[in-house]
C-alpha atoms as a PDB file:
ATOM      1  CA  MET A   1    -182.977  -7.672 -88.517  1.00  0.00           C
ATOM      2  CA  ILE A   2    -180.424  -5.792 -90.422  1.00  0.00           C
ATOM      3  CA  LEU A   3    -176.901  -5.250 -89.329  1.00  0.00           C
ATOM      4  CA  VAL A   4    -174.819  -2.549 -89.730  1.00  0.00           C
ATOM      5  CA  VAL A   5    -171.184  -2.831 -89.142  1.00  0.00           C
ATOM      6  CA  GLY A   6    -167.690  -0.962 -89.651  1.00  0.00           C
ATOM      7  CA  GLY A   7    -164.951   0.680 -88.296  1.00  0.00           C
ATOM      8  CA  ALA A   8    -165.516   3.386 -85.303  1.00  0.00           C
ATOM      9  CA  PHE A   9    -166.920   6.636 -86.169  1.00  0.00           C
ATOM     10  CA  GLN A  10    -167.341   5.630 -90.014  1.00  0.00           C
ATOM     11  CA  GLY A  11    -170.990   6.677 -90.539  1.00  0.00           C
ATOM     12  CA  LYS A  12    -173.012   3.807 -89.070  1.00  0.00           C
ATOM     13  CA  LYS A  13    -175.159   5.698 -86.981  1.00  0.00           C
ATOM     14  CA  GLU A  14    -176.036   8.331 -88.974  1.00  0.00           C
ATOM     15  CA  PHE A  15    -176.626   5.200 -92.231  1.00  0.00           C
ATOM     16  CA  ALA A  16    -178.581   3.477 -89.625  1.00  0.00           C
ATOM     17  CA  ARG A  17    -181.097   5.999 -88.771  1.00  0.00           C
ATOM     18  CA  GLU A  18    -181.481   6.750 -92.569  1.00  0.00           C
ATOM     19  CA  LEU A  19    -182.160   3.335 -93.306  1.00  0.00           C
ATOM     20  CA  ALA A  20    -184.363   2.638 -90.082  1.00  0.00           C
ATOM     21  CA  ALA A  21    -186.586   5.670 -91.099  1.00  0.00           C
ATOM     22  CA  GLU A  22    -187.177   4.765 -94.449  1.00  0.00           C
ATOM     23  CA  LYS A  23    -188.019   1.144 -93.505  1.00  0.00           C
ATOM     24  CA  LYS A  24    -189.470   2.357 -90.209  1.00  0.00           C
ATOM     25  CA  LEU A  25    -187.158   0.203 -88.119  1.00  0.00           C
ATOM     26  CA  GLN A  26    -185.912   0.649 -84.843  1.00  0.00           C
ATOM     27  CA  VAL A  27    -182.343   1.045 -84.196  1.00  0.00           C
ATOM     28  CA  VAL A  28    -180.289  -0.930 -81.529  1.00  0.00           C
ATOM     29  CA  ASN A  29    -176.797   1.252 -81.842  1.00  0.00           C
ATOM     30  CA  TYR A  30    -173.500   0.799 -80.320  1.00  0.00           C
ATOM     31  CA  TYR A  31    -174.581  -3.379 -79.971  1.00  0.00           C
ATOM     32  CA  HIS A  32    -170.675  -4.190 -79.255  1.00  0.00           C
ATOM     33  CA  HIS A  33    -170.708  -2.011 -76.244  1.00  0.00           C
ATOM     34  CA  GLU A  34    -173.792  -3.941 -75.075  1.00  0.00           C
ATOM     35  CA  ILE A  35    -171.507  -7.676 -75.422  1.00  0.00           C
ATOM     36  CA  GLN A  36    -168.606  -5.936 -73.597  1.00  0.00           C
ATOM     37  CA  LYS A  37    -170.625  -5.551 -70.746  1.00  0.00           C
ATOM     38  CA  LEU A  38    -172.577  -8.554 -70.610  1.00  0.00           C
ATOM     39  CA  LEU A  39    -168.502 -10.230 -71.208  1.00  0.00           C
ATOM     40  CA  GLU A  40    -167.932  -7.801 -67.902  1.00  0.00           C
ATOM     41  CA  GLU A  41    -170.784  -9.342 -66.122  1.00  0.00           C
ATOM     42  CA  GLY A  42    -169.867 -13.020 -66.947  1.00  0.00           C
ATOM     43  CA  GLU A  43    -173.129 -13.368 -68.927  1.00  0.00           C
ATOM     44  CA  ASP A  44    -173.729 -15.695 -71.729  1.00  0.00           C
ATOM     45  CA  VAL A  45    -173.611 -13.386 -75.166  1.00  0.00           C
ATOM     46  CA  GLN A  46    -175.091 -15.337 -77.860  1.00  0.00           C
ATOM     47  CA  GLU A  47    -178.095 -15.891 -75.180  1.00  0.00           C
ATOM     48  CA  HIS A  48    -178.261 -12.383 -75.118  1.00  0.00           C
ATOM     49  CA  ILE A  49    -178.167 -12.219 -78.880  1.00  0.00           C
ATOM     50  CA  ARG A  50    -181.012 -14.757 -79.190  1.00  0.00           C
ATOM     51  CA  GLY A  51    -183.460 -13.181 -77.082  1.00  0.00           C
ATOM     52  CA  LEU A  52    -182.331  -9.441 -78.819  1.00  0.00           C
ATOM     53  CA  LEU A  53    -183.842 -11.174 -81.692  1.00  0.00           C
ATOM     54  CA  GLU A  54    -186.904 -12.887 -80.317  1.00  0.00           C
ATOM     55  CA  LYS A  55    -187.702  -9.325 -79.001  1.00  0.00           C
ATOM     56  CA  THR A  56    -186.318  -7.160 -82.050  1.00  0.00           C
ATOM     57  CA  PRO A  57    -186.996  -8.787 -84.901  1.00  0.00           C
ATOM     58  CA  GLY A  58    -187.267  -5.511 -86.475  1.00  0.00           C
ATOM     59  CA  ALA A  59    -184.310  -3.968 -85.828  1.00  0.00           C
ATOM     60  CA  VAL A  60    -181.625  -2.592 -87.092  1.00  0.00           C
ATOM     61  CA  ILE A  61    -178.422  -3.173 -85.339  1.00  0.00           C
ATOM     62  CA  VAL A  62    -175.466  -0.946 -85.357  1.00  0.00           C
ATOM     63  CA  MET A  63    -172.008  -2.598 -83.835  1.00  0.00           C
ATOM     64  CA  ASP A  64    -168.454  -2.030 -84.856  1.00  0.00           C
ATOM     65  CA  GLU A  65    -166.092  -4.064 -86.450  1.00  0.00           C
ATOM     66  CA  VAL A  66    -163.502  -4.965 -84.529  1.00  0.00           C
ATOM     67  CA  GLY A  67    -161.303  -7.653 -85.707  1.00  0.00           C
ATOM     68  CA  ALA A  68    -159.353  -5.991 -88.651  1.00  0.00           C
ATOM     69  CA  GLY A  69    -156.438  -4.622 -86.687  1.00  0.00           C
ATOM     70  CA  VAL A  70    -153.367  -5.152 -84.170  1.00  0.00           C
ATOM     71  CA  VAL A  71    -154.297  -8.321 -81.917  1.00  0.00           C
ATOM     72  CA  PRO A  72    -154.581  -6.879 -78.194  1.00  0.00           C
ATOM     73  CA  VAL A  73    -151.378  -8.194 -75.733  1.00  0.00           C
ATOM     74  CA  GLU A  74    -154.373  -7.975 -73.072  1.00  0.00           C
ATOM     75  CA  ARG A  75    -156.371 -11.180 -72.375  1.00  0.00           C
ATOM     76  CA  SER A  76    -159.433  -9.434 -71.899  1.00  0.00           C
ATOM     77  CA  ASP A  77    -159.341  -7.608 -74.633  1.00  0.00           C
ATOM     78  CA  ARG A  78    -158.344 -10.360 -77.021  1.00  0.00           C
ATOM     79  CA  GLU A  79    -161.526 -12.246 -75.403  1.00  0.00           C
ATOM     80  CA  TYR A  80    -163.556  -8.882 -76.371  1.00  0.00           C
ATOM     81  CA  ARG A  81    -161.992  -9.065 -80.612  1.00  0.00           C
ATOM     82  CA  GLU A  82    -163.237 -12.395 -80.701  1.00  0.00           C
ATOM     83  CA  THR A  83    -166.539 -12.395 -78.601  1.00  0.00           C
ATOM     84  CA  ILE A  84    -167.285  -9.001 -80.679  1.00  0.00           C
ATOM     85  CA  GLY A  85    -166.548 -10.710 -84.017  1.00  0.00           C
ATOM     86  CA  LEU A  86    -168.054 -14.248 -83.267  1.00  0.00           C
ATOM     87  CA  ALA A  87    -171.514 -12.263 -82.365  1.00  0.00           C
ATOM     88  CA  GLY A  88    -170.983 -10.272 -85.539  1.00  0.00           C
ATOM     89  CA  GLN A  89    -170.968 -13.894 -87.433  1.00  0.00           C
ATOM     90  CA  LEU A  90    -174.092 -14.972 -85.471  1.00  0.00           C
ATOM     91  CA  LEU A  91    -176.235 -11.795 -86.078  1.00  0.00           C
ATOM     92  CA  ALA A  92    -175.447 -11.515 -90.252  1.00  0.00           C
ATOM     93  CA  ARG A  93    -175.927 -14.972 -90.525  1.00  0.00           C
ATOM     94  CA  GLU A  94    -179.759 -14.057 -88.823  1.00  0.00           C
ATOM     95  CA  ALA A  95    -180.291 -10.974 -90.616  1.00  0.00           C
ATOM     96  CA  LYS A  96    -182.287 -10.231 -93.732  1.00  0.00           C
ATOM     97  CA  GLU A  97    -179.539  -7.737 -94.532  1.00  0.00           C
ATOM     98  CA  VAL A  98    -176.043  -6.800 -93.832  1.00  0.00           C
ATOM     99  CA  TYR A  99    -174.377  -3.419 -94.736  1.00  0.00           C
ATOM    100  CA  ARG A 100    -170.660  -2.279 -93.894  1.00  0.00           C
ATOM    101  CA  VAL A 101    -170.209   1.024 -93.237  1.00  0.00           C
ATOM    102  CA  VAL A 102    -166.821   3.267 -94.825  1.00  0.00           C
ATOM    103  CA  CYS A 103    -166.176   7.031 -94.734  1.00  0.00           C
ATOM    104  CA  GLY A 104    -170.580   7.282 -94.916  1.00  0.00           C
ATOM    105  CA  ILE A 105    -171.458   5.099 -97.142  1.00  0.00           C
ATOM    106  CA  GLY A 106    -172.762   2.131 -97.108  1.00  0.00           C
ATOM    107  CA  VAL A 107    -172.064  -1.261 -99.143  1.00  0.00           C
ATOM    108  CA  ARG A 108    -174.864  -3.937 -98.545  1.00  0.00           C
ATOM    109  CA  ILE A 109    -172.681  -7.330 -98.100  1.00  0.00           C
ATOM    110  CA  LYS A 110    -175.808  -9.450 -97.957  1.00  0.00           C
END
């Protein structure tokens, strides 16, 4: 699995598409939205991630990096931000490669 992270509208999707085409892998876009949905439904995020890794070990997973801004006032928004950060750590630990995309430029960090 390959993880691609970065801020909103930084070119992650296009970078991931090119990377996936080159390596003939599937792309899982907007994974942070899936995590938000799981939180809203009270599902276990770590269990979902383990399932994703088992079902799609050859995927390029794309998610927003959300922890570099202002700390949200609302508890639910803080929980979302913290959960996304923890999910990113778990995915990065399991990934063969990790890229951070800024201004459309992907830099390999693992």
